[in-house]
C-alpha atoms as a PDB file:
ATOM      1  CA  UNK A   1      33.317  48.430-102.002  1.00  0.00           C
ATOM      2  CA  UNK A   2      33.230  46.485-105.234  1.00  0.00           C
ATOM      3  CA  UNK A   3      30.511  46.362-107.851  1.00  0.00           C
ATOM      4  CA  UNK A   4      29.160  42.945-106.834  1.00  0.00           C
ATOM      5  CA  UNK A   5      28.697  44.150-103.258  1.00  0.00           C
ATOM      6  CA  UNK A   6      26.625  47.089-104.496  1.00  0.00           C
ATOM      7  CA  UNK A   7      24.624  44.813-106.788  1.00  0.00           C
ATOM      8  CA  UNK A   8      23.888  42.308-104.017  1.00  0.00           C
ATOM      9  CA  UNK A   9      22.899  45.057-101.596  1.00  0.00           C
ATOM     10  CA  UNK A  10      20.492  46.531-104.169  1.00  0.00           C
ATOM     11  CA  UNK A  11      18.999  43.095-104.807  1.00  0.00           C
ATOM     12  CA  UNK A  12      18.394  42.626-101.090  1.00  0.00           C
ATOM     13  CA  UNK A  13      16.952  46.151-100.859  1.00  0.00           C
ATOM     14  CA  UNK A  14      14.373  45.166-103.495  1.00  0.00           C
ATOM     15  CA  UNK A  15      13.098  42.569-101.045  1.00  0.00           C
ATOM     16  CA  UNK A  16      13.023  45.244 -98.340  1.00  0.00           C
ATOM     17  CA  UNK A  17      10.953  47.432-100.683  1.00  0.00           C
ATOM     18  CA  UNK A  18       8.610  44.538-101.443  1.00  0.00           C
ATOM     19  CA  UNK A  19       8.218  43.838 -97.723  1.00  0.00           C
ATOM     20  CA  UNK A  20       7.491  47.545 -97.162  1.00  0.00           C
ATOM     21  CA  UNK A  21       4.767  47.524 -99.811  1.00  0.00           C
ATOM     22  CA  UNK A  22       3.188  44.381 -98.373  1.00  0.00           C
ATOM     23  CA  UNK A  23       3.471  45.859 -94.894  1.00  0.00           C
ATOM     24  CA  UNK A  24       1.708  49.014 -96.084  1.00  0.00           C
ATOM     25  CA  UNK A  25      -1.127  46.992 -97.591  1.00  0.00           C
ATOM     26  CA  UNK A  26      -1.427  44.921 -94.407  1.00  0.00           C
ATOM     27  CA  UNK A  27      -1.522  48.122 -92.347  1.00  0.00           C
ATOM     28  CA  UNK A  28      -4.229  49.690 -94.527  1.00  0.00           C
ATOM     29  CA  UNK A  29      -6.404  46.609 -94.880  1.00  0.00           C
ATOM     30  CA  UNK A  30      -6.127  44.998 -91.449  1.00  0.00           C
ATOM     31  CA  UNK A  31      -4.412  47.150 -88.844  1.00  0.00           C
ATOM     32  CA  UNK A  32      -6.010  50.561 -89.376  1.00  0.00           C
ATOM     33  CA  UNK A  33      -9.613  49.289 -89.163  1.00  0.00           C
ATOM     34  CA  UNK A  34      -8.837  47.405 -85.958  1.00  0.00           C
ATOM     35  CA  UNK A  35      -6.336  49.673 -84.203  1.00  0.00           C
ATOM     36  CA  UNK A  36      -6.785  53.136 -85.673  1.00  0.00           C
ATOM     37  CA  UNK A  37      -4.296  55.107 -87.722  1.00  0.00           C
ATOM     38  CA  UNK A  38      -1.660  55.943 -85.121  1.00  0.00           C
ATOM     39  CA  UNK A  39      -1.424  52.528 -83.453  1.00  0.00           C
ATOM     40  CA  UNK A  40      -1.393  50.861 -86.882  1.00  0.00           C
ATOM     41  CA  UNK A  41       1.422  53.188 -87.977  1.00  0.00           C
ATOM     42  CA  UNK A  42       3.510  52.364 -84.910  1.00  0.00           C
ATOM     43  CA  UNK A  43       2.991  48.607 -85.226  1.00  0.00           C
ATOM     44  CA  UNK A  44       3.669  48.726 -88.961  1.00  0.00           C
ATOM     45  CA  UNK A  45       6.919  50.646 -88.427  1.00  0.00           C
ATOM     46  CA  UNK A  46       8.072  48.140 -85.814  1.00  0.00           C
ATOM     47  CA  UNK A  47       7.283  45.218 -88.126  1.00  0.00           C
ATOM     48  CA  UNK A  48       9.166  46.852 -90.988  1.00  0.00           C
ATOM     49  CA  UNK A  49      12.171  47.507 -88.756  1.00  0.00           C
ATOM     50  CA  UNK A  50      12.280  43.776 -87.990  1.00  0.00           C
ATOM     51  CA  UNK A  51      12.082  42.969 -91.715  1.00  0.00           C
ATOM     52  CA  UNK A  52      14.948  45.374 -92.429  1.00  0.00           C
ATOM     53  CA  UNK A  53      17.107  43.706 -89.783  1.00  0.00           C
ATOM     54  CA  UNK A  54      16.267  40.251 -91.133  1.00  0.00           C
ATOM     55  CA  UNK A  55      17.186  41.259 -94.679  1.00  0.00           C
ATOM     56  CA  UNK A  56      20.341  42.956 -93.375  1.00  0.00           C
ATOM     57  CA  UNK A  57      21.273  39.673 -91.744  1.00  0.00           C
ATOM     58  CA  UNK A  58      20.693  37.786 -94.994  1.00  0.00           C
ATOM     59  CA  UNK A  59      22.863  40.289 -96.855  1.00  0.00           C
ATOM     60  CA  UNK A  60      25.729  39.992 -94.389  1.00  0.00           C
ATOM     61  CA  UNK A  61      25.493  36.219 -93.905  1.00  0.00           C
ATOM     62  CA  UNK A  62      24.986  35.078 -97.476  1.00  0.00           C
ATOM     63  CA  UNK A  63      26.309  37.683 -99.866  1.00  0.00           C
ATOM     64  CA  UNK A  64      29.049  39.754 -98.266  1.00  0.00           C
ATOM     65  CA  UNK A  65      32.231  37.906 -97.624  1.00  0.00           C
ATOM     66  CA  UNK A  66      34.816  40.640 -97.168  1.00  0.00           C
ATOM     67  CA  UNK A  67      33.742  44.028 -95.969  1.00  0.00           C
ATOM     68  CA  UNK A  68      34.745  46.834 -93.676  1.00  0.00           C
ATOM     69  CA  UNK A  69      32.447  48.936 -91.529  1.00  0.00           C
ATOM     70  CA  UNK A  70      32.578  51.785 -94.048  1.00  0.00           C
ATOM     71  CA  UNK A  71      31.123  49.430 -96.691  1.00  0.00           C
ATOM     72  CA  UNK A  72      28.247  48.501 -94.394  1.00  0.00           C
ATOM     73  CA  UNK A  73      27.418  52.122 -93.622  1.00  0.00           C
ATOM     74  CA  UNK A  74      27.638  52.943 -97.322  1.00  0.00           C
ATOM     75  CA  UNK A  75      25.151  50.155 -98.038  1.00  0.00           C
ATOM     76  CA  UNK A  76      22.887  51.568 -95.311  1.00  0.00           C
ATOM     77  CA  UNK A  77      23.150  55.027 -96.858  1.00  0.00           C
ATOM     78  CA  UNK A  78      22.310  53.550-100.263  1.00  0.00           C
ATOM     79  CA  UNK A  79      19.250  51.789 -98.812  1.00  0.00           C
ATOM     80  CA  UNK A  80      18.020  54.990 -97.149  1.00  0.00           C
ATOM     81  CA  UNK A  81      18.564  56.981-100.334  1.00  0.00           C
ATOM     82  CA  UNK A  82      16.657  54.415-102.381  1.00  0.00           C
ATOM     83  CA  UNK A  83      13.795  54.248 -99.857  1.00  0.00           C
ATOM     84  CA  UNK A  84      13.366  58.010 -99.618  1.00  0.00           C
ATOM     85  CA  UNK A  85      13.626  58.401-103.387  1.00  0.00           C
ATOM     86  CA  UNK A  86      11.009  55.738-104.059  1.00  0.00           C
ATOM     87  CA  UNK A  87       8.807  57.073-101.267  1.00  0.00           C
ATOM     88  CA  UNK A  88       8.811  60.630-102.592  1.00  0.00           C
ATOM     89  CA  UNK A  89       8.919  59.951-106.337  1.00  0.00           C
ATOM     90  CA  UNK A  90       6.453  57.050-106.450  1.00  0.00           C
ATOM     91  CA  UNK A  91       3.934  58.646-104.133  1.00  0.00           C
ATOM     92  CA  UNK A  92       4.098  62.051-105.789  1.00  0.00           C
ATOM     93  CA  UNK A  93       4.363  61.172-109.464  1.00  0.00           C
ATOM     94  CA  UNK A  94       2.539  57.820-109.612  1.00  0.00           C
ATOM     95  CA  UNK A  95       0.076  57.921-106.723  1.00  0.00           C
ATOM     96  CA  UNK A  96      -0.475  61.704-107.015  1.00  0.00           C
ATOM     97  CA  UNK A  97      -0.063  62.220-103.265  1.00  0.00           C
ATOM     98  CA  UNK A  98       0.559  65.866-102.304  1.00  0.00           C
ATOM     99  CA  UNK A  99       3.943  66.778-100.817  1.00  0.00           C
ATOM    100  CA  UNK A 100       2.426  67.782 -97.459  1.00  0.00           C
ATOM    101  CA  UNK A 101       0.898  64.309 -97.076  1.00  0.00           C
ATOM    102  CA  UNK A 102       4.171  62.602 -98.001  1.00  0.00           C
ATOM    103  CA  UNK A 103       6.112  64.780 -95.568  1.00  0.00           C
ATOM    104  CA  UNK A 104       3.631  64.006 -92.786  1.00  0.00           C
ATOM    105  CA  UNK A 105       5.217  60.552 -92.301  1.00  0.00           C
ATOM    106  CA  UNK A 106       8.533  62.290 -91.592  1.00  0.00           C
ATOM    107  CA  UNK A 107       7.097  64.488 -88.821  1.00  0.00           C
ATOM    108  CA  UNK A 108       8.202  63.083 -85.471  1.00  0.00           C
ATOM    109  CA  UNK A 109       6.322  65.818 -83.602  1.00  0.00           C
ATOM    110  CA  UNK A 110       3.001  64.495 -84.885  1.00  0.00           C
ATOM    111  CA  UNK A 111       3.790  60.969 -83.704  1.00  0.00           C
ATOM    112  CA  UNK A 112       5.001  59.602 -87.045  1.00  0.00           C
ATOM    113  CA  UNK A 113       8.028  57.378 -86.506  1.00  0.00           C
ATOM    114  CA  UNK A 114       8.820  56.367 -90.103  1.00  0.00           C
ATOM    115  CA  UNK A 115      12.293  57.860 -89.570  1.00  0.00           C
ATOM    116  CA  UNK A 116      13.055  54.878 -87.317  1.00  0.00           C
ATOM    117  CA  UNK A 117      12.762  52.604 -90.367  1.00  0.00           C
ATOM    118  CA  UNK A 118      15.267  54.772 -92.222  1.00  0.00           C
ATOM    119  CA  UNK A 119      17.595  54.733 -89.218  1.00  0.00           C
ATOM    120  CA  UNK A 120      17.286  50.942 -89.116  1.00  0.00           C
ATOM    121  CA  UNK A 121      18.115  50.745 -92.815  1.00  0.00           C
ATOM    122  CA  UNK A 122      21.174  52.905 -92.254  1.00  0.00           C
ATOM    123  CA  UNK A 123      22.627  50.955 -89.336  1.00  0.00           C
ATOM    124  CA  UNK A 124      21.071  47.547 -90.095  1.00  0.00           C
ATOM    125  CA  UNK A 125      23.878  46.063 -92.219  1.00  0.00           C
ATOM    126  CA  UNK A 126      26.541  47.231 -89.750  1.00  0.00           C
ATOM    127  CA  UNK A 127      24.515  46.122 -86.718  1.00  0.00           C
ATOM    128  CA  UNK A 128      23.885  42.643 -88.079  1.00  0.00           C
ATOM    129  CA  UNK A 129      27.533  42.288 -89.118  1.00  0.00           C
ATOM    130  CA  UNK A 130      28.723  43.428 -85.697  1.00  0.00           C
ATOM    131  CA  UNK A 131      27.011  40.391 -84.216  1.00  0.00           C
ATOM    132  CA  UNK A 132      29.039  38.139 -86.516  1.00  0.00           C
ATOM    133  CA  UNK A 133      32.541  39.355 -85.715  1.00  0.00           C
END
């Protein structure tokens, strides 16, 4: 994978991050009061998964010309790493959210399905490219 491919994938990920922040605000302001916390979480995760796939499609269609599957999975790994890093570091150091609260979104046994977004980020570039070949 060349440097421009990494740069383009990070630029697209910034839009994913922006969509995630807007999605979180939408969930807090509109979905939670109407649906409750759990239903709002599930709907919000599903919406964000769709956004990730759309941005993955844009990345593959517009910016990546020559790639192999390993490049696409590497981009997915980079996206997941960036998302988890921002999630943990921003929430803990900037928002002053305790670790137990941050980790709660990663607990599948309590009905939190945030990990599906990370899985979508990981396979999204490959999945969208597989439809093009």
